[in-house]
Amino acid sequence: MSVFIKFQKISDTDGIVTYQNFVPDDPFHGVSQDQRSTGIMVDSVPEPTPQTNKGQELHINPQTLVLTWVYPDITIDQMTADQKIAQLQSDLATANESMAELTIMLSSLLTPTT
């Protein structure tokens, strides 16, 4: 199955995929001959591997036509509500662990020795 893609060139060996059509030969949803001159055909697109607090960008090497996923960090402004909740829960758990350790250290310092 061929996939039609368009990409924005970053360098001679890297570009960000901006458009994908998985049915380029379909008479209704496909890609016209004029449109084909604005992109390239590839054999397939690899599946991404979702990662916590990471975005997903499909990149292509224009020289080799190899597609790879890049996982840039996302900022709190770019996170979904569920991602924000998960991040806050993780941050809270870390803070609670640190607080427990500090409490134990402080307790040992304030406990009189005999």
C-alpha atoms as a PDB file:
ATOM      1  CA  MET A   1       0.000   0.000   0.000  1.00  0.00           C
ATOM      2  CA  SER A   2       1.524   3.323  -1.053  1.00  0.00           C
ATOM      3  CA  VAL A   3       1.137   6.493   0.975  1.00  0.00           C
ATOM      4  CA  PHE A   4       1.341   9.983  -0.490  1.00  0.00           C
ATOM      5  CA  ILE A   5       3.105  12.507   1.762  1.00  0.00           C
ATOM      6  CA  LYS A   6       4.115  16.140   1.715  1.00  0.00           C
ATOM      7  CA  PHE A   7       6.834  17.510   3.954  1.00  0.00           C
ATOM      8  CA  GLN A   8       8.554  20.719   4.971  1.00  0.00           C
ATOM      9  CA  LYS A   9      12.281  20.529   4.369  1.00  0.00           C
ATOM     10  CA  ILE A  10      14.445  21.289   7.406  1.00  0.00           C
ATOM     11  CA  SER A  11      17.781  20.236   5.899  1.00  0.00           C
ATOM     12  CA  ASP A  12      19.122  18.034   3.113  1.00  0.00           C
ATOM     13  CA  THR A  13      18.584  14.998   5.334  1.00  0.00           C
ATOM     14  CA  ASP A  14      15.525  15.964   7.393  1.00  0.00           C
ATOM     15  CA  GLY A  15      11.977  17.140   6.831  1.00  0.00           C
ATOM     16  CA  ILE A  16       8.740  17.214   8.858  1.00  0.00           C
ATOM     17  CA  VAL A  17       5.796  15.409   7.284  1.00  0.00           C
ATOM     18  CA  THR A  18       2.886  17.840   6.956  1.00  0.00           C
ATOM     19  CA  TYR A  19       0.357  15.741   5.018  1.00  0.00           C
ATOM     20  CA  GLN A  20      -0.402  12.033   4.580  1.00  0.00           C
ATOM     21  CA  ASN A  21      -2.928  10.350   2.279  1.00  0.00           C
ATOM     22  CA  PHE A  22      -3.286   6.608   2.778  1.00  0.00           C
ATOM     23  CA  VAL A  23      -5.593   6.139  -0.230  1.00  0.00           C
ATOM     24  CA  PRO A  24      -3.835   8.135  -2.946  1.00  0.00           C
ATOM     25  CA  ASP A  25      -5.394   6.123  -5.788  1.00  0.00           C
ATOM     26  CA  ASP A  26      -8.975   6.389  -4.517  1.00  0.00           C
ATOM     27  CA  PRO A  27     -11.130   8.214  -7.099  1.00  0.00           C
ATOM     28  CA  PHE A  28     -12.885  10.327  -4.438  1.00  0.00           C
ATOM     29  CA  HIS A  29     -10.381  10.720  -1.555  1.00  0.00           C
ATOM     30  CA  GLY A  30      -7.202  10.193  -3.557  1.00  0.00           C
ATOM     31  CA  VAL A  31      -4.528  12.499  -4.911  1.00  0.00           C
ATOM     32  CA  SER A  32      -4.760  14.005  -8.397  1.00  0.00           C
ATOM     33  CA  GLN A  33      -1.855  13.917 -10.834  1.00  0.00           C
ATOM     34  CA  ASP A  34      -1.312  17.658 -10.272  1.00  0.00           C
ATOM     35  CA  GLN A  35      -1.178  17.148  -6.500  1.00  0.00           C
ATOM     36  CA  ARG A  36       1.292  14.270  -6.847  1.00  0.00           C
ATOM     37  CA  SER A  37       3.916  16.670  -8.151  1.00  0.00           C
ATOM     38  CA  THR A  38       3.855  18.459  -4.765  1.00  0.00           C
ATOM     39  CA  GLY A  39       4.817  15.404  -2.691  1.00  0.00           C
ATOM     40  CA  ILE A  40       6.200  11.884  -2.836  1.00  0.00           C
ATOM     41  CA  MET A  41       4.948   8.325  -2.552  1.00  0.00           C
ATOM     42  CA  VAL A  42       6.331   6.023   0.147  1.00  0.00           C
ATOM     43  CA  ASP A  43       5.659   2.341   0.761  1.00  0.00           C
ATOM     44  CA  SER A  44       4.338   2.738   4.302  1.00  0.00           C
ATOM     45  CA  VAL A  45       4.369   4.900   7.416  1.00  0.00           C
ATOM     46  CA  PRO A  46       5.763   3.406  10.651  1.00  0.00           C
ATOM     47  CA  GLU A  47       3.549   3.322  13.730  1.00  0.00           C
ATOM     48  CA  PRO A  48       4.498   5.801  16.475  1.00  0.00           C
ATOM     49  CA  THR A  49       5.316   4.669  19.991  1.00  0.00           C
ATOM     50  CA  PRO A  50       3.490   7.091  22.329  1.00  0.00           C
ATOM     51  CA  GLN A  51       5.652   8.417  25.146  1.00  0.00           C
ATOM     52  CA  THR A  52       4.598  10.257  28.285  1.00  0.00           C
ATOM     53  CA  ASN A  53       4.943  14.032  28.056  1.00  0.00           C
ATOM     54  CA  LYS A  54       6.269  13.814  24.514  1.00  0.00           C
ATOM     55  CA  GLY A  55       4.821  15.008  21.247  1.00  0.00           C
ATOM     56  CA  GLN A  56       4.982  13.070  17.990  1.00  0.00           C
ATOM     57  CA  GLU A  57       6.468  14.369  14.755  1.00  0.00           C
ATOM     58  CA  LEU A  58       6.855  12.247  11.659  1.00  0.00           C
ATOM     59  CA  HIS A  59      10.138  13.072   9.910  1.00  0.00           C
ATOM     60  CA  ILE A  60      11.516  11.984   6.558  1.00  0.00           C
ATOM     61  CA  ASN A  61      15.011  11.871   5.163  1.00  0.00           C
ATOM     62  CA  PRO A  62      14.418  13.330   1.659  1.00  0.00           C
ATOM     63  CA  GLN A  63      17.510  11.584   0.305  1.00  0.00           C
ATOM     64  CA  THR A  64      16.657   8.055   1.475  1.00  0.00           C
ATOM     65  CA  LEU A  65      12.855   8.429   1.940  1.00  0.00           C
ATOM     66  CA  VAL A  66      13.182   6.782   5.373  1.00  0.00           C
ATOM     67  CA  LEU A  67      10.415   7.851   7.768  1.00  0.00           C
ATOM     68  CA  THR A  68      11.044   8.065  11.509  1.00  0.00           C
ATOM     69  CA  TRP A  69       9.106   9.377  14.493  1.00  0.00           C
ATOM     70  CA  VAL A  70      10.664  12.091  16.647  1.00  0.00           C
ATOM     71  CA  TYR A  71       9.352  12.652  20.180  1.00  0.00           C
ATOM     72  CA  PRO A  72       9.968  16.246  21.311  1.00  0.00           C
ATOM     73  CA  ASP A  73       9.224  17.334  24.860  1.00  0.00           C
ATOM     74  CA  ILE A  74       5.919  19.123  25.230  1.00  0.00           C
ATOM     75  CA  THR A  75       5.326  22.059  27.532  1.00  0.00           C
ATOM     76  CA  ILE A  76       2.547  22.192  30.101  1.00  0.00           C
ATOM     77  CA  ASP A  77       0.623  24.525  27.740  1.00  0.00           C
ATOM     78  CA  GLN A  78       0.596  21.803  25.061  1.00  0.00           C
ATOM     79  CA  MET A  79      -0.573  19.005  27.379  1.00  0.00           C
ATOM     80  CA  THR A  80      -4.099  17.634  27.434  1.00  0.00           C
ATOM     81  CA  ALA A  81      -6.027  17.801  30.705  1.00  0.00           C
ATOM     82  CA  ASP A  82      -5.275  14.114  31.379  1.00  0.00           C
ATOM     83  CA  GLN A  83      -1.561  14.664  30.732  1.00  0.00           C
ATOM     84  CA  LYS A  84      -1.542  17.649  33.100  1.00  0.00           C
ATOM     85  CA  ILE A  85      -3.256  15.608  35.830  1.00  0.00           C
ATOM     86  CA  ALA A  86      -0.781  12.733  35.394  1.00  0.00           C
ATOM     87  CA  GLN A  87       2.168  15.165  35.544  1.00  0.00           C
ATOM     88  CA  LEU A  88       0.804  16.854  38.668  1.00  0.00           C
ATOM     89  CA  GLN A  89       0.222  13.474  40.337  1.00  0.00           C
ATOM     90  CA  SER A  90       3.794  12.452  39.562  1.00  0.00           C
ATOM     91  CA  ASP A  91       5.145  15.784  40.865  1.00  0.00           C
ATOM     92  CA  LEU A  92       3.042  15.440  44.039  1.00  0.00           C
ATOM     93  CA  ALA A  93       4.296  11.902  44.677  1.00  0.00           C
ATOM     94  CA  THR A  94       7.903  13.087  44.305  1.00  0.00           C
ATOM     95  CA  ALA A  95       7.273  15.996  46.663  1.00  0.00           C
ATOM     96  CA  ASN A  96       5.655  13.675  49.223  1.00  0.00           C
ATOM     97  CA  GLU A  97       8.658  11.315  49.105  1.00  0.00           C
ATOM     98  CA  SER A  98      11.038  14.234  49.613  1.00  0.00           C
ATOM     99  CA  MET A  99       8.929  15.552  52.494  1.00  0.00           C
ATOM    100  CA  ALA A 100       8.950  12.133  54.198  1.00  0.00           C
ATOM    101  CA  GLU A 101      12.733  11.904  53.879  1.00  0.00           C
ATOM    102  CA  LEU A 102      13.193  15.412  55.282  1.00  0.00           C
ATOM    103  CA  THR A 103      10.830  14.644  58.177  1.00  0.00           C
ATOM    104  CA  ILE A 104      12.866  11.558  59.105  1.00  0.00           C
ATOM    105  CA  MET A 105      16.130  13.516  58.896  1.00  0.00           C
ATOM    106  CA  LEU A 106      14.739  16.385  60.959  1.00  0.00           C
ATOM    107  CA  SER A 107      13.287  13.987  63.506  1.00  0.00           C
ATOM    108  CA  SER A 108      16.657  12.285  63.982  1.00  0.00           C
ATOM    109  CA  LEU A 109      18.344  15.647  64.471  1.00  0.00           C
ATOM    110  CA  LEU A 110      15.805  16.808  67.064  1.00  0.00           C
ATOM    111  CA  THR A 111      15.644  13.542  68.998  1.00  0.00           C
ATOM    112  CA  PRO A 112      17.934  13.793  72.072  1.00  0.00           C
ATOM    113  CA  THR A 113      20.546  11.089  72.367  1.00  0.00           C
ATOM    114  CA  THR A 114      21.183   9.407  75.683  1.00  0.00           C
END
